[in-house]
Amino acid sequence: MIAFTGLMPNREWRFNEQGPGSIVLNPTFGINDALAAIEAAEMDHGITIALSYMVHDNIRDGSWSRSSMT
C-alpha cells in the first residue's frame, strides 16, 4: 500500500459503494506527491488512492482497467 498523504492523512481509506464505510490501513510507503504515488503503483510497488482526473486518461485509453486497480 502506497499512501498519498494528501488524500489519506490519517491512513483511512473511505469508500461508499454499499453504504458508508472505511478501513484503516498500514501502508508500507507514504508520500506527499500524488504523481509519485501513482508512478510507484505503476512500477508494481503497491496500490494507491488517486483522484479520478489524475488517472482518467490511463483508464480511458485502456492502459489501465478498473479490474487491474482492485
N, C-alpha and C. Protein backbone atom coordinates (compact mmCIF):
# COMPACT_ATOMS: atom_id res chain seq x y z
N MET A 1 0.84 -1.17 0.00
CA MET A 1 0.00 0.00 0.00
C MET A 1 0.88 1.23 0.00
N ILE A 2 0.63 2.11 -0.94
CA ILE A 2 1.34 3.38 -1.06
C ILE A 2 0.36 4.47 -0.62
N ALA A 3 0.66 5.14 0.45
CA ALA A 3 -0.24 6.16 0.97
C ALA A 3 0.13 7.53 0.41
N PHE A 4 -0.80 8.13 -0.32
CA PHE A 4 -0.65 9.52 -0.72
C PHE A 4 -1.22 10.33 0.43
N THR A 5 -0.36 10.97 1.19
CA THR A 5 -0.76 11.62 2.44
C THR A 5 -1.75 12.77 2.23
N GLY A 6 -1.80 13.32 1.03
CA GLY A 6 -2.77 14.36 0.75
C GLY A 6 -4.21 13.87 0.79
N LEU A 7 -4.42 12.61 0.46
CA LEU A 7 -5.77 12.03 0.49
C LEU A 7 -5.98 11.09 1.67
N MET A 8 -4.91 10.68 2.31
CA MET A 8 -5.02 9.72 3.43
C MET A 8 -4.20 10.20 4.63
N PRO A 9 -4.48 11.40 5.15
CA PRO A 9 -3.65 11.90 6.24
C PRO A 9 -3.73 11.05 7.51
N ASN A 10 -4.84 10.36 7.72
CA ASN A 10 -4.98 9.52 8.91
C ASN A 10 -4.94 8.02 8.58
N ARG A 11 -4.46 7.69 7.37
CA ARG A 11 -4.30 6.30 6.91
C ARG A 11 -5.64 5.56 6.82
N GLU A 12 -6.72 6.31 6.61
CA GLU A 12 -8.04 5.72 6.49
C GLU A 12 -8.50 5.83 5.04
N TRP A 13 -8.91 4.72 4.46
CA TRP A 13 -9.41 4.68 3.09
C TRP A 13 -10.93 4.63 3.19
N ARG A 14 -11.58 5.69 2.73
CA ARG A 14 -13.05 5.78 2.81
C ARG A 14 -13.66 5.42 1.47
N PHE A 15 -14.77 4.72 1.52
CA PHE A 15 -15.47 4.33 0.30
C PHE A 15 -16.94 4.32 0.58
N ASN A 16 -17.74 4.31 -0.48
CA ASN A 16 -19.18 4.39 -0.34
C ASN A 16 -19.86 3.59 -1.44
N GLU A 17 -19.47 2.34 -1.60
CA GLU A 17 -20.06 1.52 -2.65
C GLU A 17 -21.37 0.90 -2.20
N GLN A 18 -21.40 0.31 -1.04
CA GLN A 18 -22.59 -0.33 -0.48
C GLN A 18 -23.05 0.41 0.77
N GLY A 19 -22.79 1.68 0.85
CA GLY A 19 -23.07 2.48 2.03
C GLY A 19 -21.77 2.97 2.61
N PRO A 20 -21.84 3.89 3.55
CA PRO A 20 -20.62 4.45 4.12
C PRO A 20 -19.72 3.36 4.73
N GLY A 21 -18.45 3.49 4.51
CA GLY A 21 -17.51 2.55 5.08
C GLY A 21 -16.10 3.07 5.00
N SER A 22 -15.23 2.45 5.76
CA SER A 22 -13.83 2.83 5.72
C SER A 22 -13.00 1.69 6.29
N ILE A 23 -11.72 1.75 6.01
CA ILE A 23 -10.79 0.78 6.55
C ILE A 23 -9.50 1.54 6.88
N VAL A 24 -8.91 1.23 8.01
CA VAL A 24 -7.64 1.84 8.39
C VAL A 24 -6.53 0.94 7.87
N LEU A 25 -5.59 1.55 7.15
CA LEU A 25 -4.52 0.80 6.50
C LEU A 25 -3.18 1.09 7.15
N ASN A 26 -2.27 0.16 6.99
CA ASN A 26 -0.91 0.32 7.46
C ASN A 26 0.01 0.29 6.24
N PRO A 27 0.15 1.42 5.55
CA PRO A 27 0.92 1.44 4.31
C PRO A 27 2.40 1.17 4.54
N THR A 28 3.02 0.62 3.52
CA THR A 28 4.46 0.36 3.60
C THR A 28 5.25 1.55 3.10
N PHE A 29 4.58 2.48 2.44
CA PHE A 29 5.25 3.63 1.85
C PHE A 29 4.31 4.81 1.91
N GLY A 30 4.77 5.96 2.39
CA GLY A 30 3.96 7.16 2.42
C GLY A 30 4.66 8.27 1.67
N ILE A 31 3.90 9.02 0.90
CA ILE A 31 4.48 10.09 0.09
C ILE A 31 3.48 11.23 -0.02
N ASN A 32 3.97 12.46 -0.13
CA ASN A 32 3.07 13.61 -0.22
C ASN A 32 2.92 14.14 -1.64
N ASP A 33 3.31 13.37 -2.62
CA ASP A 33 3.23 13.75 -4.02
C ASP A 33 2.35 12.74 -4.76
N ALA A 34 1.19 13.19 -5.22
CA ALA A 34 0.23 12.28 -5.85
C ALA A 34 0.81 11.59 -7.09
N LEU A 35 1.51 12.33 -7.93
CA LEU A 35 2.06 11.73 -9.15
C LEU A 35 3.13 10.69 -8.81
N ALA A 36 3.92 10.93 -7.79
CA ALA A 36 4.92 9.95 -7.38
C ALA A 36 4.25 8.69 -6.84
N ALA A 37 3.15 8.84 -6.12
CA ALA A 37 2.42 7.68 -5.61
C ALA A 37 1.86 6.86 -6.77
N ILE A 38 1.32 7.53 -7.78
CA ILE A 38 0.78 6.84 -8.95
C ILE A 38 1.90 6.12 -9.70
N GLU A 39 3.04 6.80 -9.88
CA GLU A 39 4.17 6.18 -10.56
C GLU A 39 4.69 4.96 -9.80
N ALA A 40 4.73 5.04 -8.48
CA ALA A 40 5.17 3.89 -7.67
C ALA A 40 4.21 2.72 -7.87
N ALA A 41 2.92 2.99 -7.92
CA ALA A 41 1.94 1.93 -8.17
C ALA A 41 2.12 1.34 -9.56
N GLU A 42 2.39 2.19 -10.55
CA GLU A 42 2.62 1.72 -11.91
C GLU A 42 3.85 0.81 -12.00
N MET A 43 4.81 1.03 -11.11
CA MET A 43 6.02 0.20 -11.10
C MET A 43 5.87 -1.01 -10.19
N ASP A 44 4.62 -1.35 -9.84
CA ASP A 44 4.29 -2.55 -9.04
C ASP A 44 4.83 -2.51 -7.62
N HIS A 45 4.90 -1.31 -7.04
CA HIS A 45 5.32 -1.20 -5.64
C HIS A 45 4.14 -1.27 -4.69
N GLY A 46 2.94 -1.40 -5.22
CA GLY A 46 1.75 -1.49 -4.39
C GLY A 46 0.58 -0.79 -5.06
N ILE A 47 -0.48 -0.60 -4.29
CA ILE A 47 -1.65 0.10 -4.77
C ILE A 47 -1.71 1.45 -4.07
N THR A 48 -2.45 2.38 -4.65
CA THR A 48 -2.59 3.70 -4.05
C THR A 48 -3.98 4.24 -4.33
N ILE A 49 -4.28 5.34 -3.72
CA ILE A 49 -5.53 6.04 -3.96
C ILE A 49 -5.19 7.29 -4.77
N ALA A 50 -6.06 7.66 -5.70
CA ALA A 50 -5.80 8.82 -6.55
C ALA A 50 -7.11 9.51 -6.90
N LEU A 51 -7.00 10.75 -7.24
CA LEU A 51 -8.17 11.48 -7.72
C LEU A 51 -8.45 11.05 -9.16
N SER A 52 -9.72 10.94 -9.50
CA SER A 52 -10.10 10.38 -10.80
C SER A 52 -9.49 11.15 -11.97
N TYR A 53 -9.39 12.46 -11.88
CA TYR A 53 -8.84 13.22 -13.01
C TYR A 53 -7.37 12.90 -13.26
N MET A 54 -6.68 12.39 -12.25
CA MET A 54 -5.26 12.08 -12.39
C MET A 54 -5.02 10.77 -13.14
N VAL A 55 -6.02 9.89 -13.15
CA VAL A 55 -5.85 8.59 -13.80
C VAL A 55 -6.87 8.35 -14.92
N HIS A 56 -7.70 9.35 -15.19
CA HIS A 56 -8.76 9.20 -16.18
C HIS A 56 -8.23 8.77 -17.55
N ASP A 57 -7.19 9.42 -18.03
CA ASP A 57 -6.66 9.10 -19.36
C ASP A 57 -6.13 7.67 -19.43
N ASN A 58 -5.48 7.20 -18.36
CA ASN A 58 -4.96 5.84 -18.35
C ASN A 58 -6.09 4.81 -18.42
N ILE A 59 -7.17 5.09 -17.74
CA ILE A 59 -8.32 4.18 -17.77
C ILE A 59 -9.00 4.26 -19.14
N ARG A 60 -9.18 5.47 -19.65
CA ARG A 60 -9.88 5.66 -20.92
C ARG A 60 -9.12 5.05 -22.10
N ASP A 61 -7.79 5.17 -22.12
CA ASP A 61 -7.05 4.64 -23.26
C ASP A 61 -6.75 3.15 -23.14
N GLY A 62 -7.17 2.54 -22.03
CA GLY A 62 -7.02 1.10 -21.89
C GLY A 62 -5.70 0.65 -21.28
N SER A 63 -4.79 1.59 -20.98
CA SER A 63 -3.53 1.17 -20.38
C SER A 63 -3.74 0.66 -18.96
N TRP A 64 -4.82 1.07 -18.34
CA TRP A 64 -5.25 0.52 -17.05
C TRP A 64 -6.70 0.10 -17.21
N SER A 65 -7.11 -0.78 -16.35
CA SER A 65 -8.54 -1.12 -16.30
C SER A 65 -8.97 -1.05 -14.86
N ARG A 66 -10.25 -0.87 -14.63
CA ARG A 66 -10.75 -0.82 -13.26
C ARG A 66 -10.45 -2.13 -12.53
N SER A 67 -10.53 -3.25 -13.24
CA SER A 67 -10.26 -4.55 -12.59
C SER A 67 -8.81 -4.69 -12.20
N SER A 68 -7.89 -4.05 -12.91
CA SER A 68 -6.48 -4.15 -12.54
C SER A 68 -6.16 -3.26 -11.36
N MET A 69 -7.07 -2.36 -11.01
CA MET A 69 -6.83 -1.46 -9.89
C MET A 69 -7.51 -1.93 -8.62
N THR A 70 -8.17 -3.07 -8.63
CA THR A 70 -8.84 -3.54 -7.43
C THR A 70 -8.11 -4.71 -6.84
